[in-house]
PDB file of N, CA and C in Angstrom:
ATOM      1  N   MET A   1      65.848 -97.403 -31.437  1.00  0.00           N
ATOM      2  CA  MET A   1      66.048 -98.243 -30.277  1.00  0.00           C
ATOM      3  C   MET A   1      66.368 -99.659 -30.756  1.00  0.00           C
ATOM      4  N   SER A   2      67.334-100.295 -30.096  1.00  0.00           N
ATOM      5  CA  SER A   2      67.715-101.650 -30.494  1.00  0.00           C
ATOM      6  C   SER A   2      67.253-102.667 -29.453  1.00  0.00           C
ATOM      7  N   ILE A   3      67.166-103.899 -29.882  1.00  0.00           N
ATOM      8  CA  ILE A   3      66.769-104.985 -28.987  1.00  0.00           C
ATOM      9  C   ILE A   3      67.961-105.306 -28.089  1.00  0.00           C
ATOM     10  N   PRO A   4      67.759-105.359 -26.777  1.00  0.00           N
ATOM     11  CA  PRO A   4      68.884-105.579 -25.858  1.00  0.00           C
ATOM     12  C   PRO A   4      69.496-106.975 -25.989  1.00  0.00           C
ATOM     13  N   GLN A   5      70.811-107.040 -25.832  1.00  0.00           N
ATOM     14  CA  GLN A   5      71.556-108.298 -25.906  1.00  0.00           C
ATOM     15  C   GLN A   5      71.449-109.109 -24.619  1.00  0.00           C
ATOM     16  N   ASN A   6      71.226-108.438 -23.500  1.00  0.00           N
ATOM     17  CA  ASN A   6      71.304-109.114 -22.200  1.00  0.00           C
ATOM     18  C   ASN A   6      70.177-110.118 -21.946  1.00  0.00           C
ATOM     19  N   LEU A   7      69.173-110.168 -22.801  1.00  0.00           N
ATOM     20  CA  LEU A   7      68.090-111.142 -22.633  1.00  0.00           C
ATOM     21  C   LEU A   7      68.172-112.290 -23.642  1.00  0.00           C
ATOM     22  N   ASN A   8      69.288-112.396 -24.347  1.00  0.00           N
ATOM     23  CA  ASN A   8      69.441-113.454 -25.359  1.00  0.00           C
ATOM     24  C   ASN A   8      69.272-114.852 -24.786  1.00  0.00           C
ATOM     25  N   GLU A   9      69.783-115.104 -23.601  1.00  0.00           N
ATOM     26  CA  GLU A   9      69.733-116.438 -22.997  1.00  0.00           C
ATOM     27  C   GLU A   9      68.601-116.582 -21.978  1.00  0.00           C
ATOM     28  N   THR A  10      67.731-115.600 -21.914  1.00  0.00           N
ATOM     29  CA  THR A  10      66.606-115.607 -20.983  1.00  0.00           C
ATOM     30  C   THR A  10      65.367-116.166 -21.668  1.00  0.00           C
ATOM     31  N   ASP A  11      64.613-116.992 -20.948  1.00  0.00           N
ATOM     32  CA  ASP A  11      63.339-117.481 -21.473  1.00  0.00           C
ATOM     33  C   ASP A  11      62.328-116.343 -21.458  1.00  0.00           C
ATOM     34  N   LEU A  12      61.787-116.029 -22.627  1.00  0.00           N
ATOM     35  CA  LEU A  12      60.769-114.990 -22.755  1.00  0.00           C
ATOM     36  C   LEU A  12      59.444-115.653 -23.091  1.00  0.00           C
ATOM     37  N   ARG A  13      58.379-115.039 -22.621  1.00  0.00           N
ATOM     38  CA  ARG A  13      57.036-115.583 -22.848  1.00  0.00           C
ATOM     39  C   ARG A  13      56.244-114.637 -23.746  1.00  0.00           C
ATOM     40  N   PHE A  14      55.704-115.203 -24.813  1.00  0.00           N
ATOM     41  CA  PHE A  14      54.857-114.477 -25.749  1.00  0.00           C
ATOM     42  C   PHE A  14      53.558-115.255 -25.854  1.00  0.00           C
ATOM     43  N   GLU A  15      52.430-114.569 -25.844  1.00  0.00           N
ATOM     44  CA  GLU A  15      51.138-115.244 -25.973  1.00  0.00           C
ATOM     45  C   GLU A  15      50.581-115.034 -27.370  1.00  0.00           C
ATOM     46  N   CYS A  16      50.076-116.116 -27.943  1.00  0.00           N
ATOM     47  CA  CYS A  16      49.439-116.039 -29.257  1.00  0.00           C
ATOM     48  C   CYS A  16      48.297-115.028 -29.177  1.00  0.00           C
ATOM     49  N   PRO A  17      48.261-114.084 -30.091  1.00  0.00           N
ATOM     50  CA  PRO A  17      47.180-113.091 -30.056  1.00  0.00           C
ATOM     51  C   PRO A  17      45.806-113.683 -30.350  1.00  0.00           C
ATOM     52  N   ARG A  18      45.772-114.862 -30.952  1.00  0.00           N
ATOM     53  CA  ARG A  18      44.480-115.478 -31.287  1.00  0.00           C
ATOM     54  C   ARG A  18      43.941-116.354 -30.156  1.00  0.00           C
ATOM     55  N   CYS A  19      44.791-117.272 -29.635  1.00  0.00           N
ATOM     56  CA  CYS A  19      44.290-118.248 -28.654  1.00  0.00           C
ATOM     57  C   CYS A  19      44.925-118.111 -27.265  1.00  0.00           C
ATOM     58  N   ARG A  20      45.877-117.214 -27.120  1.00  0.00           N
ATOM     59  CA  ARG A  20      46.574-116.963 -25.847  1.00  0.00           C
ATOM     60  C   ARG A  20      47.497-118.102 -25.417  1.00  0.00           C
ATOM     61  N   HIS A  21      47.787-119.029 -26.314  1.00  0.00           N
ATOM     62  CA  HIS A  21      48.723-120.111 -26.012  1.00  0.00           C
ATOM     63  C   HIS A  21      50.103-119.501 -25.748  1.00  0.00           C
ATOM     64  N   PRO A  22      50.771-119.901 -24.652  1.00  0.00           N
ATOM     65  CA  PRO A  22      52.094-119.332 -24.366  1.00  0.00           C
ATOM     66  C   PRO A  22      53.182-119.938 -25.255  1.00  0.00           C
ATOM     67  N   ILE A  23      54.015-119.074 -25.795  1.00  0.00           N
ATOM     68  CA  ILE A  23      55.191-119.496 -26.552  1.00  0.00           C
ATOM     69  C   ILE A  23      56.387-119.027 -25.733  1.00  0.00           C
ATOM     70  N   ILE A  24      57.155-119.972 -25.215  1.00  0.00           N
ATOM     71  CA  ILE A  24      58.295-119.648 -24.361  1.00  0.00           C
ATOM     72  C   ILE A  24      59.562-120.102 -25.074  1.00  0.00           C
ATOM     73  N   ARG A  25      60.416-119.134 -25.376  1.00  0.00           N
ATOM     74  CA  ARG A  25      61.674-119.391 -26.084  1.00  0.00           C
ATOM     75  C   ARG A  25      62.732-118.418 -25.562  1.00  0.00           C
ATOM     76  N   LYS A  26      63.978-118.709 -25.885  1.00  0.00           N
ATOM     77  CA  LYS A  26      65.085-117.819 -25.531  1.00  0.00           C
ATOM     78  C   LYS A  26      64.946-116.503 -26.297  1.00  0.00           C
ATOM     79  N   GLY A  27      65.453-115.437 -25.700  1.00  0.00           N
ATOM     80  CA  GLY A  27      65.418-114.139 -26.352  1.00  0.00           C
ATOM     81  C   GLY A  27      66.073-114.156 -27.723  1.00  0.00           C
ATOM     82  N   SER A  28      67.164-114.908 -27.862  1.00  0.00           N
ATOM     83  CA  SER A  28      67.852-114.986 -29.155  1.00  0.00           C
ATOM     84  C   SER A  28      66.939-115.567 -30.237  1.00  0.00           C
ATOM     85  N   TRP A  29      66.049-116.492 -29.867  1.00  0.00           N
ATOM     86  CA  TRP A  29      65.109-117.063 -30.833  1.00  0.00           C
ATOM     87  C   TRP A  29      64.130-115.991 -31.299  1.00  0.00           C
ATOM     88  N   PHE A  30      63.570-115.241 -30.351  1.00  0.00           N
ATOM     89  CA  PHE A  30      62.624-114.184 -30.717  1.00  0.00           C
ATOM     90  C   PHE A  30      63.290-113.116 -31.577  1.00  0.00           C
ATOM     91  N   LYS A  31      64.571-112.835 -31.316  1.00  0.00           N
ATOM     92  CA  LYS A  31      65.279-111.833 -32.109  1.00  0.00           C
ATOM     93  C   LYS A  31      65.423-112.260 -33.563  1.00  0.00           C
ATOM     94  N   SER A  32      65.630-113.546 -33.800  1.00  0.00           N
ATOM     95  CA  SER A  32      65.933-113.998 -35.159  1.00  0.00           C
ATOM     96  C   SER A  32      64.712-114.439 -35.967  1.00  0.00           C
ATOM     97  N   VAL A  33      63.626-114.778 -35.302  1.00  0.00           N
ATOM     98  CA  VAL A  33      62.454-115.293 -36.007  1.00  0.00           C
ATOM     99  C   VAL A  33      61.598-114.137 -36.542  1.00  0.00           C
ATOM    100  N   ALA A  34      61.005-114.349 -37.703  1.00  0.00           N
ATOM    101  CA  ALA A  34      60.089-113.352 -38.266  1.00  0.00           C
ATOM    102  C   ALA A  34      58.655-113.866 -38.236  1.00  0.00           C
ATOM    103  N   THR A  35      58.480-115.131 -38.594  1.00  0.00           N
ATOM    104  CA  THR A  35      57.160-115.758 -38.527  1.00  0.00           C
ATOM    105  C   THR A  35      57.307-117.155 -37.932  1.00  0.00           C
ATOM    106  N   PHE A  36      56.249-117.593 -37.259  1.00  0.00           N
ATOM    107  CA  PHE A  36      56.223-118.929 -36.671  1.00  0.00           C
ATOM    108  C   PHE A  36      54.781-119.340 -36.471  1.00  0.00           C
ATOM    109  N   LYS A  37      54.560-120.626 -36.243  1.00  0.00           N
ATOM    110  CA  LYS A  37      53.204-121.143 -36.015  1.00  0.00           C
ATOM    111  C   LYS A  37      52.972-121.331 -34.529  1.00  0.00           C
ATOM    112  N   CYS A  38      51.781-120.964 -34.085  1.00  0.00           N
ATOM    113  CA  CYS A  38      51.373-121.184 -32.706  1.00  0.00           C
ATOM    114  C   CYS A  38      51.175-122.684 -32.502  1.00  0.00           C
ATOM    115  N   GLY A  39      51.690-123.205 -31.401  1.00  0.00           N
ATOM    116  CA  GLY A  39      51.516-124.613 -31.088  1.00  0.00           C
ATOM    117  C   GLY A  39      50.107-124.954 -30.644  1.00  0.00           C
ATOM    118  N   GLY A  40      49.329-123.945 -30.279  1.00  0.00           N
ATOM    119  CA  GLY A  40      47.968-124.185 -29.823  1.00  0.00           C
ATOM    120  C   GLY A  40      46.948-124.198 -30.941  1.00  0.00           C
ATOM    121  N   CYS A  41      46.940-123.162 -31.767  1.00  0.00           N
ATOM    122  CA  CYS A  41      45.908-123.032 -32.803  1.00  0.00           C
ATOM    123  C   CYS A  41      46.457-123.126 -34.225  1.00  0.00           C
ATOM    124  N   GLN A  42      47.765-123.275 -34.368  1.00  0.00           N
ATOM    125  CA  GLN A  42      48.438-123.404 -35.666  1.00  0.00           C
ATOM    126  C   GLN A  42      48.362-122.148 -36.531  1.00  0.00           C
ATOM    127  N   THR A  43      48.009-121.007 -35.927  1.00  0.00           N
ATOM    128  CA  THR A  43      47.990-119.746 -36.652  1.00  0.00           C
ATOM    129  C   THR A  43      49.416-119.314 -36.951  1.00  0.00           C
ATOM    130  N   SER A  44      49.647-118.800 -38.138  1.00  0.00           N
ATOM    131  CA  SER A  44      50.941-118.240 -38.491  1.00  0.00           C
ATOM    132  C   SER A  44      51.029-116.839 -37.884  1.00  0.00           C
ATOM    133  N   ILE A  45      52.069-116.605 -37.104  1.00  0.00           N
ATOM    134  CA  ILE A  45      52.238-115.333 -36.399  1.00  0.00           C
ATOM    135  C   ILE A  45      53.444-114.612 -36.970  1.00  0.00           C
ATOM    136  N   ARG A  46      53.268-113.359 -37.325  1.00  0.00           N
ATOM    137  CA  ARG A  46      54.378-112.523 -37.764  1.00  0.00           C
ATOM    138  C   ARG A  46      54.782-111.652 -36.585  1.00  0.00           C
ATOM    139  N   LEU A  47      56.052-111.713 -36.241  1.00  0.00           N
ATOM    140  CA  LEU A  47      56.563-110.922 -35.126  1.00  0.00           C
ATOM    141  C   LEU A  47      57.519-109.883 -35.693  1.00  0.00           C
ATOM    142  N   GLY A  48      57.001-108.676 -35.905  1.00  0.00           N
ATOM    143  CA  GLY A  48      57.802-107.597 -36.463  1.00  0.00           C
ATOM    144  C   GLY A  48      58.672-106.927 -35.414  1.00  0.00           C
ATOM    145  N   TYR A  49      59.515-106.033 -35.871  1.00  0.00           N
ATOM    146  CA  TYR A  49      60.464-105.366 -34.979  1.00  0.00           C
ATOM    147  C   TYR A  49      59.779-104.619 -33.835  1.00  0.00           C
ATOM    148  N   PRO A  50      58.714-103.844 -34.073  1.00  0.00           N
ATOM    149  CA  PRO A  50      58.050-103.149 -32.956  1.00  0.00           C
ATOM    150  C   PRO A  50      57.512-104.114 -31.897  1.00  0.00           C
ATOM    151  N   ALA A  51      56.967-105.252 -32.334  1.00  0.00           N
ATOM    152  CA  ALA A  51      56.457-106.248 -31.382  1.00  0.00           C
ATOM    153  C   ALA A  51      57.602-106.870 -30.589  1.00  0.00           C
ATOM    154  N   LYS A  52      58.732-107.086 -31.240  1.00  0.00           N
ATOM    155  CA  LYS A  52      59.908-107.619 -30.544  1.00  0.00           C
ATOM    156  C   LYS A  52      60.397-106.630 -29.491  1.00  0.00           C
ATOM    157  N   LEU A  53      60.440-105.357 -29.843  1.00  0.00           N
ATOM    158  CA  LEU A  53      60.848-104.337 -28.865  1.00  0.00           C
ATOM    159  C   LEU A  53      59.930-104.355 -27.649  1.00  0.00           C
ATOM    160  N   ARG A  54      58.620-104.447 -27.870  1.00  0.00           N
ATOM    161  CA  ARG A  54      57.665-104.484 -26.752  1.00  0.00           C
ATOM    162  C   ARG A  54      57.878-105.721 -25.884  1.00  0.00           C
ATOM    163  N   LEU A  55      58.092-106.867 -26.521  1.00  0.00           N
ATOM    164  CA  LEU A  55      58.320-108.114 -25.790  1.00  0.00           C
ATOM    165  C   LEU A  55      59.565-108.013 -24.911  1.00  0.00           C
ATOM    166  N   PHE A  56      60.662-107.536 -25.468  1.00  0.00           N
ATOM    167  CA  PHE A  56      61.905-107.424 -24.706  1.00  0.00           C
ATOM    168  C   PHE A  56      61.785-106.372 -23.608  1.00  0.00           C
ATOM    169  N   GLU A  57      61.110-105.274 -23.887  1.00  0.00           N
ATOM    170  CA  GLU A  57      60.934-104.233 -22.870  1.00  0.00           C
ATOM    171  C   GLU A  57      60.094-104.752 -21.711  1.00  0.00           C
ATOM    172  N   LYS A  58      59.055-105.494 -22.004  1.00  0.00           N
ATOM    173  CA  LYS A  58      58.203-106.080 -20.961  1.00  0.00           C
ATOM    174  C   LYS A  58      59.028-106.978 -20.044  1.00  0.00           C
ATOM    175  N   HIS A  59      59.864-107.826 -20.625  1.00  0.00           N
ATOM    176  CA  HIS A  59      60.679-108.734 -19.824  1.00  0.00           C
ATOM    177  C   HIS A  59      61.821-108.005 -19.118  1.00  0.00           C
ATOM    178  N   ARG A  60      62.348-106.966 -19.748  1.00  0.00           N
ATOM    179  CA  ARG A  60      63.407-106.181 -19.102  1.00  0.00           C
ATOM    180  C   ARG A  60      62.875-105.531 -17.835  1.00  0.00           C
ATOM    181  N   GLN A  61      61.681-104.977 -17.911  1.00  0.00           N
ATOM    182  CA  GLN A  61      61.084-104.323 -16.745  1.00  0.00           C
ATOM    183  C   GLN A  61      60.749-105.320 -15.649  1.00  0.00           C
ATOM    184  N   SER A  62      60.266-106.496 -16.017  1.00  0.00           N
ATOM    185  CA  SER A  62      59.899-107.483 -15.001  1.00  0.00           C
ATOM    186  C   SER A  62      61.125-108.096 -14.338  1.00  0.00           C
ATOM    187  N   ALA A  63      62.274-108.061 -15.006  1.00  0.00           N
ATOM    188  CA  ALA A  63      63.503-108.628 -14.447  1.00  0.00           C
ATOM    189  C   ALA A  63      64.360-107.576 -13.753  1.00  0.00           C
ATOM    190  N   SER A  64      63.945-106.327 -13.799  1.00  0.00           N
ATOM    191  CA  SER A  64      64.744-105.243 -13.232  1.00  0.00           C
ATOM    192  C   SER A  64      64.864-105.372 -11.720  1.00  0.00           C
ATOM    193  N   PRO A  65      66.102-105.314 -11.182  1.00  0.00           N
ATOM    194  CA  PRO A  65      66.286-105.404  -9.729  1.00  0.00           C
ATOM    195  C   PRO A  65      65.782-104.162  -8.997  1.00  0.00           C
ATOM    196  N   ASN A  66      65.585-103.073  -9.717  1.00  0.00           N
ATOM    197  CA  ASN A  66      65.103-101.840  -9.091  1.00  0.00           C
ATOM    198  C   ASN A  66      63.591-101.799  -8.981  1.00  0.00           C
ATOM    199  N   ARG A  67      62.950-102.830  -9.474  1.00  0.00           N
ATOM    200  CA  ARG A  67      61.487-102.891  -9.442  1.00  0.00           C
ATOM    201  C   ARG A  67      61.014-103.036  -8.002  1.00  0.00           C
ATOM    202  N   ILE A  68      59.991-102.321  -7.655  1.00  0.00           N
ATOM    203  CA  ILE A  68      59.439-102.377  -6.302  1.00  0.00           C
ATOM    204  C   ILE A  68      58.625-103.650  -6.165  1.00  0.00           C
ATOM    205  N   SER A  69      58.991-104.485  -5.191  1.00  0.00           N
ATOM    206  CA  SER A  69      58.242-105.724  -4.993  1.00  0.00           C
ATOM    207  C   SER A  69      57.005-105.451  -4.166  1.00  0.00           C
ATOM    208  N   GLN A  70      55.970-106.224  -4.442  1.00  0.00           N
ATOM    209  CA  GLN A  70      54.716-106.059  -3.722  1.00  0.00           C
ATOM    210  C   GLN A  70      54.597-107.170  -2.704  1.00  0.00           C
ATOM    211  N   ALA A  71      54.437-106.806  -1.450  1.00  0.00           N
ATOM    212  CA  ALA A  71      54.352-107.803  -0.375  1.00  0.00           C
ATOM    213  C   ALA A  71      52.925-108.010   0.052  1.00  0.00           C
TER     214      ALA A  71
END
């Protein structure tokens, strides 16, 4: 499975697994980065391919127009 191209210019949200600080960047940034520091706790985070797939899938599902809205 490959990382989708259609979310490259979309802001994606990832939470630091240690402190839950939100990291919001474009999909293209998440695709190209391997490690980065959390702005909240300064922990070095490794974002491997499986984690990237999960992140993009989560955002793909939340942006899907076929998703049933809850009223």
